[in-house]
PDB file of all heavy atoms in Angstrom:
ATOM      1  N   GLN A   1     -86.888 131.540  38.862  1.00  0.00           N
ATOM      2  CA  GLN A   1     -86.329 130.216  39.061  1.00  0.00           C
ATOM      3  C   GLN A   1     -86.713 129.221  37.911  1.00  0.00           C
ATOM      4  O   GLN A   1     -85.843 128.436  37.563  1.00  0.00           O
ATOM      5  CB  GLN A   1     -86.736 129.623  40.375  1.00  0.00           C
ATOM      6  CG  GLN A   1     -86.171 130.276  41.619  1.00  0.00           C
ATOM      7  CD  GLN A   1     -86.779 129.828  42.934  1.00  0.00           C
ATOM      8  OE1 GLN A   1     -87.949 129.378  42.967  1.00  0.00           O
ATOM      9  NE2 GLN A   1     -86.077 130.044  43.994  1.00  0.00           N
ATOM     10  N   VAL A   2     -87.833 129.358  37.415  1.00  0.00           N
ATOM     11  CA  VAL A   2     -88.325 128.398  36.415  1.00  0.00           C
ATOM     12  C   VAL A   2     -88.035 128.891  34.963  1.00  0.00           C
ATOM     13  O   VAL A   2     -88.278 128.179  34.030  1.00  0.00           O
ATOM     14  CB  VAL A   2     -89.817 128.002  36.465  1.00  0.00           C
ATOM     15  CG1 VAL A   2     -90.106 127.437  37.815  1.00  0.00           C
ATOM     16  CG2 VAL A   2     -90.717 129.259  36.262  1.00  0.00           C
ATOM     17  N   SER A   3     -87.369 130.147  34.899  1.00  0.00           N
ATOM     18  CA  SER A   3     -87.139 130.819  33.526  1.00  0.00           C
ATOM     19  C   SER A   3     -88.449 130.693  32.701  1.00  0.00           C
ATOM     20  O   SER A   3     -88.386 130.126  31.672  1.00  0.00           O
ATOM     21  CB  SER A   3     -86.039 130.123  32.913  1.00  0.00           C
ATOM     22  OG  SER A   3     -85.661 130.768  31.744  1.00  0.00           O
ATOM     23  N   PHE A   4     -89.525 131.337  33.180  1.00  0.00           N
ATOM     24  CA  PHE A   4     -90.780 131.144  32.609  1.00  0.00           C
ATOM     25  C   PHE A   4     -90.751 131.568  31.152  1.00  0.00           C
ATOM     26  O   PHE A   4     -91.321 130.879  30.285  1.00  0.00           O
ATOM     27  CB  PHE A   4     -91.878 132.000  33.321  1.00  0.00           C
ATOM     28  CG  PHE A   4     -93.314 131.702  33.005  1.00  0.00           C
ATOM     29  CD1 PHE A   4     -94.023 130.784  33.786  1.00  0.00           C
ATOM     30  CD2 PHE A   4     -93.830 132.325  31.912  1.00  0.00           C
ATOM     31  CE1 PHE A   4     -95.326 130.537  33.373  1.00  0.00           C
ATOM     32  CE2 PHE A   4     -95.202 132.026  31.573  1.00  0.00           C
ATOM     33  CZ  PHE A   4     -95.935 131.101  32.226  1.00  0.00           C
ATOM     34  N   ARG A   5     -90.194 132.736  30.867  1.00  0.00           N
ATOM     35  CA  ARG A   5     -90.252 133.222  29.440  1.00  0.00           C
ATOM     36  C   ARG A   5     -89.412 132.248  28.539  1.00  0.00           C
ATOM     37  O   ARG A   5     -89.894 131.891  27.522  1.00  0.00           O
ATOM     38  CB  ARG A   5     -89.667 134.569  29.350  1.00  0.00           C
ATOM     39  CG  ARG A   5     -89.897 135.396  28.066  1.00  0.00           C
ATOM     40  CD  ARG A   5     -88.819 135.084  27.044  1.00  0.00           C
ATOM     41  NE  ARG A   5     -87.506 135.270  27.597  1.00  0.00           N
ATOM     42  CZ  ARG A   5     -86.373 134.723  27.049  1.00  0.00           C
ATOM     43  NH1 ARG A   5     -86.481 134.006  25.927  1.00  0.00           N
ATOM     44  NH2 ARG A   5     -85.175 134.854  27.578  1.00  0.00           N
ATOM     45  N   GLY A   6     -88.333 131.752  29.028  1.00  0.00           N
ATOM     46  CA  GLY A   6     -87.472 130.854  28.138  1.00  0.00           C
ATOM     47  C   GLY A   6     -88.170 129.545  27.983  1.00  0.00           C
ATOM     48  O   GLY A   6     -88.028 128.929  26.894  1.00  0.00           O
ATOM     49  N   ARG A   7     -88.851 129.009  29.065  1.00  0.00           N
ATOM     50  CA  ARG A   7     -89.554 127.677  28.985  1.00  0.00           C
ATOM     51  C   ARG A   7     -90.825 127.690  28.134  1.00  0.00           C
ATOM     52  O   ARG A   7     -91.030 126.841  27.316  1.00  0.00           O
ATOM     53  CB  ARG A   7     -89.854 127.204  30.327  1.00  0.00           C
ATOM     54  CG  ARG A   7     -90.580 125.880  30.326  1.00  0.00           C
ATOM     55  CD  ARG A   7     -91.013 125.409  31.737  1.00  0.00           C
ATOM     56  NE  ARG A   7     -89.862 125.198  32.620  1.00  0.00           N
ATOM     57  CZ  ARG A   7     -89.976 124.671  33.842  1.00  0.00           C
ATOM     58  NH1 ARG A   7     -91.253 124.350  34.298  1.00  0.00           N
ATOM     59  NH2 ARG A   7     -88.912 124.520  34.672  1.00  0.00           N
ATOM     60  N   TYR A   8     -91.600 128.843  28.306  1.00  0.00           N
ATOM     61  CA  TYR A   8     -92.965 128.775  27.619  1.00  0.00           C
ATOM     62  C   TYR A   8     -93.076 129.822  26.484  1.00  0.00           C
ATOM     63  O   TYR A   8     -94.140 129.685  25.828  1.00  0.00           O
ATOM     64  CB  TYR A   8     -93.985 129.075  28.722  1.00  0.00           C
ATOM     65  CG  TYR A   8     -94.038 128.060  29.832  1.00  0.00           C
ATOM     66  CD1 TYR A   8     -93.585 128.326  31.148  1.00  0.00           C
ATOM     67  CD2 TYR A   8     -94.505 126.748  29.623  1.00  0.00           C
ATOM     68  CE1 TYR A   8     -93.581 127.455  32.192  1.00  0.00           C
ATOM     69  CE2 TYR A   8     -94.548 125.856  30.644  1.00  0.00           C
ATOM     70  CZ  TYR A   8     -94.098 126.158  31.874  1.00  0.00           C
ATOM     71  OH  TYR A   8     -94.008 125.312  32.932  1.00  0.00           O
ATOM     72  N   GLY A   9     -92.144 130.682  26.331  1.00  0.00           N
ATOM     73  CA  GLY A   9     -92.276 131.701  25.303  1.00  0.00           C
ATOM     74  C   GLY A   9     -93.272 132.789  25.461  1.00  0.00           C
ATOM     75  O   GLY A   9     -93.823 133.317  24.590  1.00  0.00           O
ATOM     76  N   GLY A  10     -93.551 133.053  26.749  1.00  0.00           N
ATOM     77  CA  GLY A  10     -94.477 134.101  27.115  1.00  0.00           C
ATOM     78  C   GLY A  10     -93.956 134.858  28.327  1.00  0.00           C
ATOM     79  O   GLY A  10     -93.322 134.307  29.190  1.00  0.00           O
ATOM     80  N   ALA A  11     -94.058 136.149  28.323  1.00  0.00           N
ATOM     81  CA  ALA A  11     -93.586 137.039  29.402  1.00  0.00           C
ATOM     82  C   ALA A  11     -94.712 137.369  30.379  1.00  0.00           C
ATOM     83  O   ALA A  11     -95.743 137.931  29.925  1.00  0.00           O
ATOM     84  CB  ALA A  11     -92.893 138.284  28.880  1.00  0.00           C
ATOM     85  N   VAL A  12     -94.508 137.112  31.621  1.00  0.00           N
ATOM     86  CA  VAL A  12     -95.503 137.470  32.718  1.00  0.00           C
ATOM     87  C   VAL A  12     -95.457 138.939  32.933  1.00  0.00           C
ATOM     88  O   VAL A  12     -94.409 139.412  33.379  1.00  0.00           O
ATOM     89  CB  VAL A  12     -95.290 136.593  33.910  1.00  0.00           C
ATOM     90  CG1 VAL A  12     -96.335 137.031  35.003  1.00  0.00           C
ATOM     91  CG2 VAL A  12     -95.378 135.084  33.725  1.00  0.00           C
ATOM     92  N   ILE A  13     -96.560 139.617  32.739  1.00  0.00           N
ATOM     93  CA  ILE A  13     -96.569 141.128  33.037  1.00  0.00           C
ATOM     94  C   ILE A  13     -97.450 141.429  34.207  1.00  0.00           C
ATOM     95  O   ILE A  13     -97.259 142.536  34.742  1.00  0.00           O
ATOM     96  CB  ILE A  13     -96.902 141.882  31.824  1.00  0.00           C
ATOM     97  CG1 ILE A  13     -98.424 141.458  31.401  1.00  0.00           C
ATOM     98  CG2 ILE A  13     -96.033 141.705  30.639  1.00  0.00           C
ATOM     99  CD1 ILE A  13     -98.972 142.355  30.269  1.00  0.00           C
ATOM    100  N   ALA A  14     -98.288 140.535  34.688  1.00  0.00           N
ATOM    101  CA  ALA A  14     -99.163 140.814  35.820  1.00  0.00           C
ATOM    102  C   ALA A  14     -99.602 139.587  36.493  1.00  0.00           C
ATOM    103  O   ALA A  14     -99.636 138.494  35.922  1.00  0.00           O
ATOM    104  CB  ALA A  14    -100.347 141.703  35.368  1.00  0.00           C
ATOM    105  N   LEU A  15     -99.995 139.697  37.796  1.00  0.00           N
ATOM    106  CA  LEU A  15    -100.292 138.442  38.555  1.00  0.00           C
ATOM    107  C   LEU A  15    -101.518 138.789  39.462  1.00  0.00           C
ATOM    108  O   LEU A  15    -101.596 139.912  40.000  1.00  0.00           O
ATOM    109  CB  LEU A  15     -99.151 138.073  39.351  1.00  0.00           C
ATOM    110  CG  LEU A  15     -99.265 136.712  40.073  1.00  0.00           C
ATOM    111  CD1 LEU A  15     -97.863 136.084  40.216  1.00  0.00           C
ATOM    112  CD2 LEU A  15     -99.834 136.795  41.495  1.00  0.00           C
ATOM    113  N   HIS A  16    -102.468 137.823  39.552  1.00  0.00           N
ATOM    114  CA  HIS A  16    -103.563 138.048  40.473  1.00  0.00           C
ATOM    115  C   HIS A  16    -103.581 136.801  41.378  1.00  0.00           C
ATOM    116  O   HIS A  16    -103.328 135.655  40.984  1.00  0.00           O
ATOM    117  CB  HIS A  16    -104.836 138.054  39.634  1.00  0.00           C
ATOM    118  CG  HIS A  16    -106.100 137.679  40.528  1.00  0.00           C
ATOM    119  ND1 HIS A  16    -106.757 138.599  41.285  1.00  0.00           N
ATOM    120  CD2 HIS A  16    -106.778 136.487  40.731  1.00  0.00           C
ATOM    121  CE1 HIS A  16    -107.747 138.047  42.062  1.00  0.00           C
ATOM    122  NE2 HIS A  16    -107.781 136.828  41.639  1.00  0.00           N
ATOM    123  N   ARG A  17    -103.826 137.088  42.683  1.00  0.00           N
ATOM    124  CA  ARG A  17    -104.005 136.080  43.676  1.00  0.00           C
ATOM    125  C   ARG A  17    -105.183 136.353  44.463  1.00  0.00           C
ATOM    126  O   ARG A  17    -105.477 137.426  44.881  1.00  0.00           O
ATOM    127  CB  ARG A  17    -102.773 136.021  44.620  1.00  0.00           C
ATOM    128  CG  ARG A  17    -102.882 134.949  45.686  1.00  0.00           C
ATOM    129  CD  ARG A  17    -101.566 134.821  46.371  1.00  0.00           C
ATOM    130  NE  ARG A  17    -100.586 134.240  45.451  1.00  0.00           N
ATOM    131  CZ  ARG A  17     -99.180 134.247  45.737  1.00  0.00           C
ATOM    132  NH1 ARG A  17     -98.742 134.781  46.807  1.00  0.00           N
ATOM    133  NH2 ARG A  17     -98.352 133.745  44.844  1.00  0.00           N
ATOM    134  N   ALA A  18    -106.077 135.316  44.589  1.00  0.00           N
ATOM    135  CA  ALA A  18    -107.395 135.537  45.207  1.00  0.00           C
ATOM    136  C   ALA A  18    -107.289 136.141  46.586  1.00  0.00           C
ATOM    137  O   ALA A  18    -106.612 135.533  47.445  1.00  0.00           O
ATOM    138  CB  ALA A  18    -108.200 134.164  45.305  1.00  0.00           C
ATOM    139  N   SER A  19    -107.996 137.135  46.885  1.00  0.00           N
ATOM    140  CA  SER A  19    -108.146 137.836  48.212  1.00  0.00           C
ATOM    141  C   SER A  19    -106.777 138.304  48.736  1.00  0.00           C
ATOM    142  O   SER A  19    -106.624 138.467  49.928  1.00  0.00           O
ATOM    143  CB  SER A  19    -108.757 136.777  49.170  1.00  0.00           C
ATOM    144  OG  SER A  19    -109.913 136.332  48.803  1.00  0.00           O
ATOM    145  N   GLU A  20    -105.807 138.518  47.884  1.00  0.00           N
ATOM    146  CA  GLU A  20    -104.504 139.003  48.370  1.00  0.00           C
ATOM    147  C   GLU A  20    -103.878 139.830  47.313  1.00  0.00           C
ATOM    148  O   GLU A  20    -103.842 139.524  46.126  1.00  0.00           O
ATOM    149  CB  GLU A  20    -103.634 137.687  48.650  1.00  0.00           C
ATOM    150  CG  GLU A  20    -102.181 138.129  49.264  1.00  0.00           C
ATOM    151  CD  GLU A  20    -101.394 136.886  49.533  1.00  0.00           C
ATOM    152  OE1 GLU A  20    -102.115 135.810  49.782  1.00  0.00           O
ATOM    153  OE2 GLU A  20    -100.173 136.982  49.594  1.00  0.00           O
ATOM    154  N   ARG A  21    -103.277 140.975  47.712  1.00  0.00           N
ATOM    155  CA  ARG A  21    -102.560 141.845  46.815  1.00  0.00           C
ATOM    156  C   ARG A  21    -101.103 141.415  46.827  1.00  0.00           C
ATOM    157  O   ARG A  21    -100.483 141.253  47.829  1.00  0.00           O
ATOM    158  CB  ARG A  21    -102.766 143.269  47.253  1.00  0.00           C
ATOM    159  CG  ARG A  21    -102.198 144.266  46.190  1.00  0.00           C
ATOM    160  CD  ARG A  21    -102.562 145.788  46.530  1.00  0.00           C
ATOM    161  NE  ARG A  21    -103.980 145.860  46.407  1.00  0.00           N
ATOM    162  CZ  ARG A  21    -104.743 146.784  46.979  1.00  0.00           C
ATOM    163  NH1 ARG A  21    -104.126 147.783  47.660  1.00  0.00           N
ATOM    164  NH2 ARG A  21    -106.035 146.878  46.823  1.00  0.00           N
ATOM    165  N   ILE A  22    -100.465 141.452  45.652  1.00  0.00           N
ATOM    166  CA  ILE A  22     -99.102 141.004  45.476  1.00  0.00           C
ATOM    167  C   ILE A  22     -98.231 142.191  45.608  1.00  0.00           C
ATOM    168  O   ILE A  22     -98.326 143.238  44.883  1.00  0.00           O
ATOM    169  CB  ILE A  22     -98.940 140.279  44.148  1.00  0.00           C
ATOM    170  CG1 ILE A  22     -99.886 139.114  43.911  1.00  0.00           C
ATOM    171  CG2 ILE A  22     -97.518 139.913  43.914  1.00  0.00           C
ATOM    172  CD1 ILE A  22     -99.692 138.116  44.957  1.00  0.00           C
ATOM    173  N   ASP A  23     -97.277 142.090  46.483  1.00  0.00           N
ATOM    174  CA  ASP A  23     -96.187 143.036  46.639  1.00  0.00           C
ATOM    175  C   ASP A  23     -94.887 142.429  46.148  1.00  0.00           C
ATOM    176  O   ASP A  23     -94.693 141.195  46.189  1.00  0.00           O
ATOM    177  CB  ASP A  23     -95.982 143.487  48.156  1.00  0.00           C
ATOM    178  CG  ASP A  23     -97.203 144.352  48.493  1.00  0.00           C
ATOM    179  OD1 ASP A  23     -97.647 145.261  47.723  1.00  0.00           O
ATOM    180  OD2 ASP A  23     -97.618 144.144  49.696  1.00  0.00           O
ATOM    181  N   GLY A  24     -93.902 143.311  45.748  1.00  0.00           N
ATOM    182  CA  GLY A  24     -92.644 142.750  45.336  1.00  0.00           C
ATOM    183  C   GLY A  24     -92.671 142.598  43.860  1.00  0.00           C
ATOM    184  O   GLY A  24     -93.617 142.527  43.159  1.00  0.00           O
ATOM    185  N   LYS A  25     -91.407 142.327  43.317  1.00  0.00           N
ATOM    186  CA  LYS A  25     -91.241 142.093  41.877  1.00  0.00           C
ATOM    187  C   LYS A  25     -91.814 140.698  41.378  1.00  0.00           C
ATOM    188  O   LYS A  25     -91.708 139.762  42.172  1.00  0.00           O
ATOM    189  CB  LYS A  25     -89.770 142.208  41.455  1.00  0.00           C
ATOM    190  CG  LYS A  25     -89.125 143.556  41.688  1.00  0.00           C
ATOM    191  CD  LYS A  25     -87.708 143.498  41.321  1.00  0.00           C
ATOM    192  CE  LYS A  25     -87.054 144.920  41.403  1.00  0.00           C
ATOM    193  NZ  LYS A  25     -87.551 145.857  40.381  1.00  0.00           N
ATOM    194  N   LEU A  26     -92.444 140.712  40.304  1.00  0.00           N
ATOM    195  CA  LEU A  26     -93.097 139.496  39.890  1.00  0.00           C
ATOM    196  C   LEU A  26     -92.193 138.313  39.846  1.00  0.00           C
ATOM    197  O   LEU A  26     -92.534 137.204  40.111  1.00  0.00           O
ATOM    198  CB  LEU A  26     -93.750 139.702  38.502  1.00  0.00           C
ATOM    199  CG  LEU A  26     -94.885 140.731  38.413  1.00  0.00           C
ATOM    200  CD1 LEU A  26     -95.434 140.833  37.015  1.00  0.00           C
ATOM    201  CD2 LEU A  26     -96.018 140.299  39.426  1.00  0.00           C
ATOM    202  N   GLY A  27     -90.932 138.573  39.483  1.00  0.00           N
ATOM    203  CA  GLY A  27     -89.969 137.469  39.241  1.00  0.00           C
ATOM    204  C   GLY A  27     -89.521 136.834  40.580  1.00  0.00           C
ATOM    205  O   GLY A  27     -89.072 135.686  40.628  1.00  0.00           O
ATOM    206  N   THR A  28     -89.835 137.462  41.661  1.00  0.00           N
ATOM    207  CA  THR A  28     -89.463 136.951  42.990  1.00  0.00           C
ATOM    208  C   THR A  28     -90.635 136.394  43.904  1.00  0.00           C
ATOM    209  O   THR A  28     -90.482 135.865  44.960  1.00  0.00           O
ATOM    210  CB  THR A  28     -88.760 138.055  43.895  1.00  0.00           C
ATOM    211  OG1 THR A  28     -89.754 139.125  44.149  1.00  0.00           O
ATOM    212  CG2 THR A  28     -87.635 138.555  43.096  1.00  0.00           C
ATOM    213  N   VAL A  29     -91.845 136.362  43.285  1.00  0.00           N
ATOM    214  CA  VAL A  29     -93.029 135.943  44.023  1.00  0.00           C
ATOM    215  C   VAL A  29     -93.181 134.427  43.780  1.00  0.00           C
ATOM    216  O   VAL A  29     -93.176 133.897  42.700  1.00  0.00           O
ATOM    217  CB  VAL A  29     -94.325 136.580  43.512  1.00  0.00           C
ATOM    218  CG1 VAL A  29     -95.538 136.008  44.160  1.00  0.00           C
ATOM    219  CG2 VAL A  29     -94.181 138.129  43.685  1.00  0.00           C
ATOM    220  N   GLU A  30     -93.341 133.678  44.948  1.00  0.00           N
ATOM    221  CA  GLU A  30     -93.487 132.203  44.829  1.00  0.00           C
ATOM    222  C   GLU A  30     -94.891 131.938  44.340  1.00  0.00           C
ATOM    223  O   GLU A  30     -95.826 132.479  44.958  1.00  0.00           O
ATOM    224  CB  GLU A  30     -93.248 131.482  46.199  1.00  0.00           C
ATOM    225  CG  GLU A  30     -91.831 131.382  46.605  1.00  0.00           C
ATOM    226  CD  GLU A  30     -91.560 130.445  47.656  1.00  0.00           C
ATOM    227  OE1 GLU A  30     -92.551 129.778  48.191  1.00  0.00           O
ATOM    228  OE2 GLU A  30     -90.423 130.216  48.088  1.00  0.00           O
TER     229      GLU A  30
END
């Protein structure tokens, strides 16, 4: 939604959330 790569010039390849494992595609995680 925020077009992260286009806005900041960096591509998100992984995500960490405290005490919670992330399921689903990174682009769809709030």
